[in-house]
Amino acid sequence: MDTKIPNDMPGEENSGTFQKNFMHYRATRLGTTFFFVALVSFLFQTIIFPFLFAPLSIFFAYLAKGKRKKNDWYNNFTIFFSTLILILNLVFCGYCVYSVSHDTMLHKKYDEVSYQVYGVSFDEYMKQIQNAVQNPTEYQNSLQTPAGITNPLITPGGDTNE
């Protein structure tokens, strides 16, 4: 009687198959984990994290396919909903930019908070950012400390951490 070891179990004849299945399993788990992290970070409305974790989940879910012709349903689920998270996060970012630039009441609140935190209004802060992007060398030269202002943390004698 000829018995063969199934393809998904380790054995001497198919140790390579077990390694491939293990790598498929690891890539699937990583894709699913990154999907849930992207979903939670999207639900908490953090802007940058869905842009980081959703592409990673798509990458690992697609990587889990390997050389097979079809992907598993949960990997397809991960790819579809991670793409949806990316699109929704992009729409959310666009809405935030639009609402800040067109809603006067929200713009006034940003002005107040920006003045309290940075000491300049929101419009002045945005002009500084725009100038820094358009003329980076002039902006860096403007950051030089004027001759009459001294930094109290730095003494002319050297390091203050002694």
C-alpha atoms as a PDB file:
ATOM      1  CA  MET A   1       0.000   0.000   0.000  1.00  0.00           C
ATOM      2  CA  ASP A   2       1.451   3.305  -1.113  1.00  0.00           C
ATOM      3  CA  THR A   3       0.765   6.195   1.261  1.00  0.00           C
ATOM      4  CA  LYS A   4       1.828   9.711   0.457  1.00  0.00           C
ATOM      5  CA  ILE A   5       2.244  12.563   2.867  1.00  0.00           C
ATOM      6  CA  PRO A   6      -0.208  15.391   2.164  1.00  0.00           C
ATOM      7  CA  ASN A   7       1.274  18.516   0.615  1.00  0.00           C
ATOM      8  CA  ASP A   8       0.565  20.741   3.575  1.00  0.00           C
ATOM      9  CA  MET A   9       2.373  18.629   6.184  1.00  0.00           C
ATOM     10  CA  PRO A  10       6.112  18.529   6.806  1.00  0.00           C
ATOM     11  CA  GLY A  11       7.998  15.520   5.647  1.00  0.00           C
ATOM     12  CA  GLU A  12      11.188  14.457   3.949  1.00  0.00           C
ATOM     13  CA  GLU A  13       9.759  14.417   0.435  1.00  0.00           C
ATOM     14  CA  ASN A  14       7.941  17.748   0.597  1.00  0.00           C
ATOM     15  CA  SER A  15       9.891  19.950   2.990  1.00  0.00           C
ATOM     16  CA  GLY A  16       9.924  22.670   0.311  1.00  0.00           C
ATOM     17  CA  THR A  17       6.133  22.572   0.133  1.00  0.00           C
ATOM     18  CA  PHE A  18       5.855  23.052   3.861  1.00  0.00           C
ATOM     19  CA  GLN A  19       8.207  26.043   3.643  1.00  0.00           C
ATOM     20  CA  LYS A  20       6.068  27.581   0.871  1.00  0.00           C
ATOM     21  CA  ASN A  21       2.869  27.057   2.862  1.00  0.00           C
ATOM     22  CA  PHE A  22       4.498  28.534   5.953  1.00  0.00           C
ATOM     23  CA  MET A  23       5.583  31.626   4.001  1.00  0.00           C
ATOM     24  CA  HIS A  24       2.067  31.912   2.540  1.00  0.00           C
ATOM     25  CA  TYR A  25       0.647  31.749   6.053  1.00  0.00           C
ATOM     26  CA  ARG A  26       3.084  34.388   7.357  1.00  0.00           C
ATOM     27  CA  ALA A  27       2.368  36.779   4.467  1.00  0.00           C
ATOM     28  CA  THR A  28      -1.379  36.299   4.957  1.00  0.00           C
ATOM     29  CA  ARG A  29      -1.131  37.038   8.673  1.00  0.00           C
ATOM     30  CA  LEU A  30       1.031  40.118   8.058  1.00  0.00           C
ATOM     31  CA  GLY A  31      -1.400  41.409   5.440  1.00  0.00           C
ATOM     32  CA  THR A  32      -4.345  40.902   7.773  1.00  0.00           C
ATOM     33  CA  THR A  33      -2.525  42.539  10.690  1.00  0.00           C
ATOM     34  CA  PHE A  34      -1.563  45.587   8.650  1.00  0.00           C
ATOM     35  CA  PHE A  35      -5.151  45.787   7.384  1.00  0.00           C
ATOM     36  CA  PHE A  36      -6.565  45.948  10.904  1.00  0.00           C
ATOM     37  CA  VAL A  37      -3.961  48.522  11.966  1.00  0.00           C
ATOM     38  CA  ALA A  38      -4.860  50.642   8.904  1.00  0.00           C
ATOM     39  CA  LEU A  39      -8.564  50.249   9.684  1.00  0.00           C
ATOM     40  CA  VAL A  40      -8.179  51.289  13.328  1.00  0.00           C
ATOM     41  CA  SER A  41      -5.949  54.225  12.429  1.00  0.00           C
ATOM     42  CA  PHE A  42      -8.484  55.326   9.791  1.00  0.00           C
ATOM     43  CA  LEU A  43     -11.336  55.098  12.287  1.00  0.00           C
ATOM     44  CA  PHE A  44      -9.375  57.238  14.747  1.00  0.00           C
ATOM     45  CA  GLN A  45      -8.784  59.693  11.880  1.00  0.00           C
ATOM     46  CA  THR A  46      -5.017  59.695  11.981  1.00  0.00           C
ATOM     47  CA  ILE A  47      -4.041  60.959   8.580  1.00  0.00           C
ATOM     48  CA  ILE A  48      -0.625  59.433   7.949  1.00  0.00           C
ATOM     49  CA  PHE A  49      -0.947  55.892   9.335  1.00  0.00           C
ATOM     50  CA  PRO A  50      -3.537  54.577   6.845  1.00  0.00           C
ATOM     51  CA  PHE A  51      -1.228  55.770   4.057  1.00  0.00           C
ATOM     52  CA  LEU A  52       1.534  53.636   5.578  1.00  0.00           C
ATOM     53  CA  PHE A  53      -0.263  50.488   6.691  1.00  0.00           C
ATOM     54  CA  ALA A  54      -2.858  49.998   3.928  1.00  0.00           C
ATOM     55  CA  PRO A  55      -0.239  49.638   1.156  1.00  0.00           C
ATOM     56  CA  LEU A  56       1.701  47.229   3.363  1.00  0.00           C
ATOM     57  CA  SER A  57      -1.419  45.113   3.849  1.00  0.00           C
ATOM     58  CA  ILE A  58      -2.053  45.109   0.086  1.00  0.00           C
ATOM     59  CA  PHE A  59       1.554  44.140  -0.559  1.00  0.00           C
ATOM     60  CA  PHE A  60       1.575  41.224   1.886  1.00  0.00           C
ATOM     61  CA  ALA A  61      -1.875  40.008   0.832  1.00  0.00           C
ATOM     62  CA  TYR A  62      -0.746  39.951  -2.788  1.00  0.00           C
ATOM     63  CA  LEU A  63       2.566  38.370  -1.786  1.00  0.00           C
ATOM     64  CA  ALA A  64       0.660  35.557  -0.046  1.00  0.00           C
ATOM     65  CA  LYS A  65      -0.698  34.484  -3.411  1.00  0.00           C
ATOM     66  CA  GLY A  66       2.704  33.106  -4.391  1.00  0.00           C
ATOM     67  CA  LYS A  67       2.705  31.167  -7.652  1.00  0.00           C
ATOM     68  CA  ARG A  68      -0.917  30.120  -7.370  1.00  0.00           C
ATOM     69  CA  LYS A  69      -3.398  31.350  -9.969  1.00  0.00           C
ATOM     70  CA  LYS A  70      -6.006  32.529  -7.475  1.00  0.00           C
ATOM     71  CA  ASN A  71      -5.712  34.264  -4.151  1.00  0.00           C
ATOM     72  CA  ASP A  72      -7.634  33.183  -1.062  1.00  0.00           C
ATOM     73  CA  TRP A  73     -10.860  35.000  -0.226  1.00  0.00           C
ATOM     74  CA  TYR A  74      -9.445  36.638   2.908  1.00  0.00           C
ATOM     75  CA  ASN A  75      -6.477  38.003   0.973  1.00  0.00           C
ATOM     76  CA  ASN A  76      -8.865  39.395  -1.642  1.00  0.00           C
ATOM     77  CA  PHE A  77     -10.902  40.865   1.222  1.00  0.00           C
ATOM     78  CA  THR A  78      -7.760  42.500   2.621  1.00  0.00           C
ATOM     79  CA  ILE A  79      -6.748  43.921  -0.760  1.00  0.00           C
ATOM     80  CA  PHE A  80     -10.223  45.310  -1.487  1.00  0.00           C
ATOM     81  CA  PHE A  81     -10.822  46.938   1.885  1.00  0.00           C
ATOM     82  CA  SER A  82      -7.263  48.269   2.197  1.00  0.00           C
ATOM     83  CA  THR A  83      -7.714  49.954  -1.176  1.00  0.00           C
ATOM     84  CA  LEU A  84     -11.025  51.336   0.078  1.00  0.00           C
ATOM     85  CA  ILE A  85      -9.304  52.678   3.217  1.00  0.00           C
ATOM     86  CA  LEU A  86      -6.688  54.389   1.041  1.00  0.00           C
ATOM     87  CA  ILE A  87      -9.346  56.043  -1.120  1.00  0.00           C
ATOM     88  CA  LEU A  88     -11.459  57.127   1.856  1.00  0.00           C
ATOM     89  CA  ASN A  89      -8.409  58.518   3.652  1.00  0.00           C
ATOM     90  CA  LEU A  90      -7.458  60.492   0.553  1.00  0.00           C
ATOM     91  CA  VAL A  91     -11.004  61.893   0.362  1.00  0.00           C
ATOM     92  CA  PHE A  92     -10.849  62.740   4.075  1.00  0.00           C
ATOM     93  CA  CYS A  93      -7.547  64.605   3.612  1.00  0.00           C
ATOM     94  CA  GLY A  94      -8.998  66.525   0.671  1.00  0.00           C
ATOM     95  CA  TYR A  95     -12.057  67.424   2.711  1.00  0.00           C
ATOM     96  CA  CYS A  96      -9.874  68.683   5.570  1.00  0.00           C
ATOM     97  CA  VAL A  97      -7.870  70.918   3.245  1.00  0.00           C
ATOM     98  CA  TYR A  98     -11.042  72.186   1.572  1.00  0.00           C
ATOM     99  CA  SER A  99     -12.798  72.887   4.871  1.00  0.00           C
ATOM    100  CA  VAL A 100      -9.822  74.792   6.289  1.00  0.00           C
ATOM    101  CA  SER A 101      -9.541  76.946   3.198  1.00  0.00           C
ATOM    102  CA  HIS A 102     -13.276  77.639   2.658  1.00  0.00           C
ATOM    103  CA  ASP A 103     -14.957  77.553   6.077  1.00  0.00           C
ATOM    104  CA  THR A 104     -14.472  80.972   7.728  1.00  0.00           C
ATOM    105  CA  MET A 105     -15.483  79.842  11.210  1.00  0.00           C
ATOM    106  CA  LEU A 106     -13.039  76.928  11.167  1.00  0.00           C
ATOM    107  CA  HIS A 107     -10.385  79.218   9.704  1.00  0.00           C
ATOM    108  CA  LYS A 108     -10.846  81.650  12.617  1.00  0.00           C
ATOM    109  CA  LYS A 109     -10.473  78.795  15.112  1.00  0.00           C
ATOM    110  CA  TYR A 110      -7.242  77.712  13.410  1.00  0.00           C
ATOM    111  CA  ASP A 111      -6.061  81.339  13.567  1.00  0.00           C
ATOM    112  CA  GLU A 112      -6.682  81.489  17.317  1.00  0.00           C
ATOM    113  CA  VAL A 113      -5.027  78.152  18.046  1.00  0.00           C
ATOM    114  CA  SER A 114      -2.096  78.892  15.751  1.00  0.00           C
ATOM    115  CA  TYR A 115      -1.531  82.262  17.417  1.00  0.00           C
ATOM    116  CA  GLN A 116      -1.629  80.668  20.866  1.00  0.00           C
ATOM    117  CA  VAL A 117       0.730  77.843  19.946  1.00  0.00           C
ATOM    118  CA  TYR A 118       3.142  79.439  17.445  1.00  0.00           C
ATOM    119  CA  GLY A 119       2.720  83.167  18.097  1.00  0.00           C
ATOM    120  CA  VAL A 120       1.664  83.843  14.497  1.00  0.00           C
ATOM    121  CA  SER A 121      -1.706  83.647  12.796  1.00  0.00           C
ATOM    122  CA  PHE A 122      -2.626  80.706  10.586  1.00  0.00           C
ATOM    123  CA  ASP A 123      -2.355  82.798   7.412  1.00  0.00           C
ATOM    124  CA  GLU A 124       1.136  84.025   8.333  1.00  0.00           C
ATOM    125  CA  TYR A 125       2.160  80.472   9.198  1.00  0.00           C
ATOM    126  CA  MET A 126       0.901  79.179   5.841  1.00  0.00           C
ATOM    127  CA  LYS A 127       2.734  82.012   4.024  1.00  0.00           C
ATOM    128  CA  GLN A 128       5.941  81.032   5.817  1.00  0.00           C
ATOM    129  CA  ILE A 129       5.486  77.419   4.740  1.00  0.00           C
ATOM    130  CA  GLN A 130       4.752  78.488   1.169  1.00  0.00           C
ATOM    131  CA  ASN A 131       7.860  80.720   1.109  1.00  0.00           C
ATOM    132  CA  ALA A 132       9.956  77.897   2.537  1.00  0.00           C
ATOM    133  CA  VAL A 133       8.787  75.547  -0.206  1.00  0.00           C
ATOM    134  CA  GLN A 134       9.274  78.067  -3.022  1.00  0.00           C
ATOM    135  CA  ASN A 135      12.598  79.518  -1.817  1.00  0.00           C
ATOM    136  CA  PRO A 136      14.338  77.040   0.482  1.00  0.00           C
ATOM    137  CA  THR A 137      17.737  78.783   0.527  1.00  0.00           C
ATOM    138  CA  GLU A 138      16.256  82.178   1.398  1.00  0.00           C
ATOM    139  CA  TYR A 139      14.175  80.563   4.122  1.00  0.00           C
ATOM    140  CA  GLN A 140      17.207  78.859   5.645  1.00  0.00           C
ATOM    141  CA  ASN A 141      19.112  82.143   5.578  1.00  0.00           C
ATOM    142  CA  SER A 142      16.209  83.827   7.387  1.00  0.00           C
ATOM    143  CA  LEU A 143      16.488  81.251  10.181  1.00  0.00           C
ATOM    144  CA  GLN A 144      19.947  82.528  11.138  1.00  0.00           C
ATOM    145  CA  THR A 145      19.917  84.107  14.577  1.00  0.00           C
ATOM    146  CA  PRO A 146      20.285  87.897  14.379  1.00  0.00           C
ATOM    147  CA  ALA A 147      23.420  89.346  15.952  1.00  0.00           C
ATOM    148  CA  GLY A 148      21.665  91.049  18.875  1.00  0.00           C
ATOM    149  CA  ILE A 149      19.716  87.958  20.055  1.00  0.00           C
ATOM    150  CA  THR A 150      21.456  85.362  22.178  1.00  0.00           C
ATOM    151  CA  ASN A 151      20.239  81.931  23.048  1.00  0.00           C
ATOM    152  CA  PRO A 152      20.122  81.552  26.851  1.00  0.00           C
ATOM    153  CA  LEU A 153      20.719  77.804  26.596  1.00  0.00           C
ATOM    154  CA  ILE A 154      24.076  78.215  24.871  1.00  0.00           C
ATOM    155  CA  THR A 155      26.813  80.094  26.671  1.00  0.00           C
ATOM    156  CA  PRO A 156      29.838  81.510  24.871  1.00  0.00           C
ATOM    157  CA  GLY A 157      32.071  79.361  27.089  1.00  0.00           C
ATOM    158  CA  GLY A 158      30.863  76.054  25.681  1.00  0.00           C
ATOM    159  CA  ASP A 159      28.457  73.305  26.634  1.00  0.00           C
ATOM    160  CA  THR A 160      25.877  73.946  29.387  1.00  0.00           C
ATOM    161  CA  ASN A 161      25.405  70.256  30.174  1.00  0.00           C
ATOM    162  CA  GLU A 162      28.506  70.092  32.345  1.00  0.00           C
END
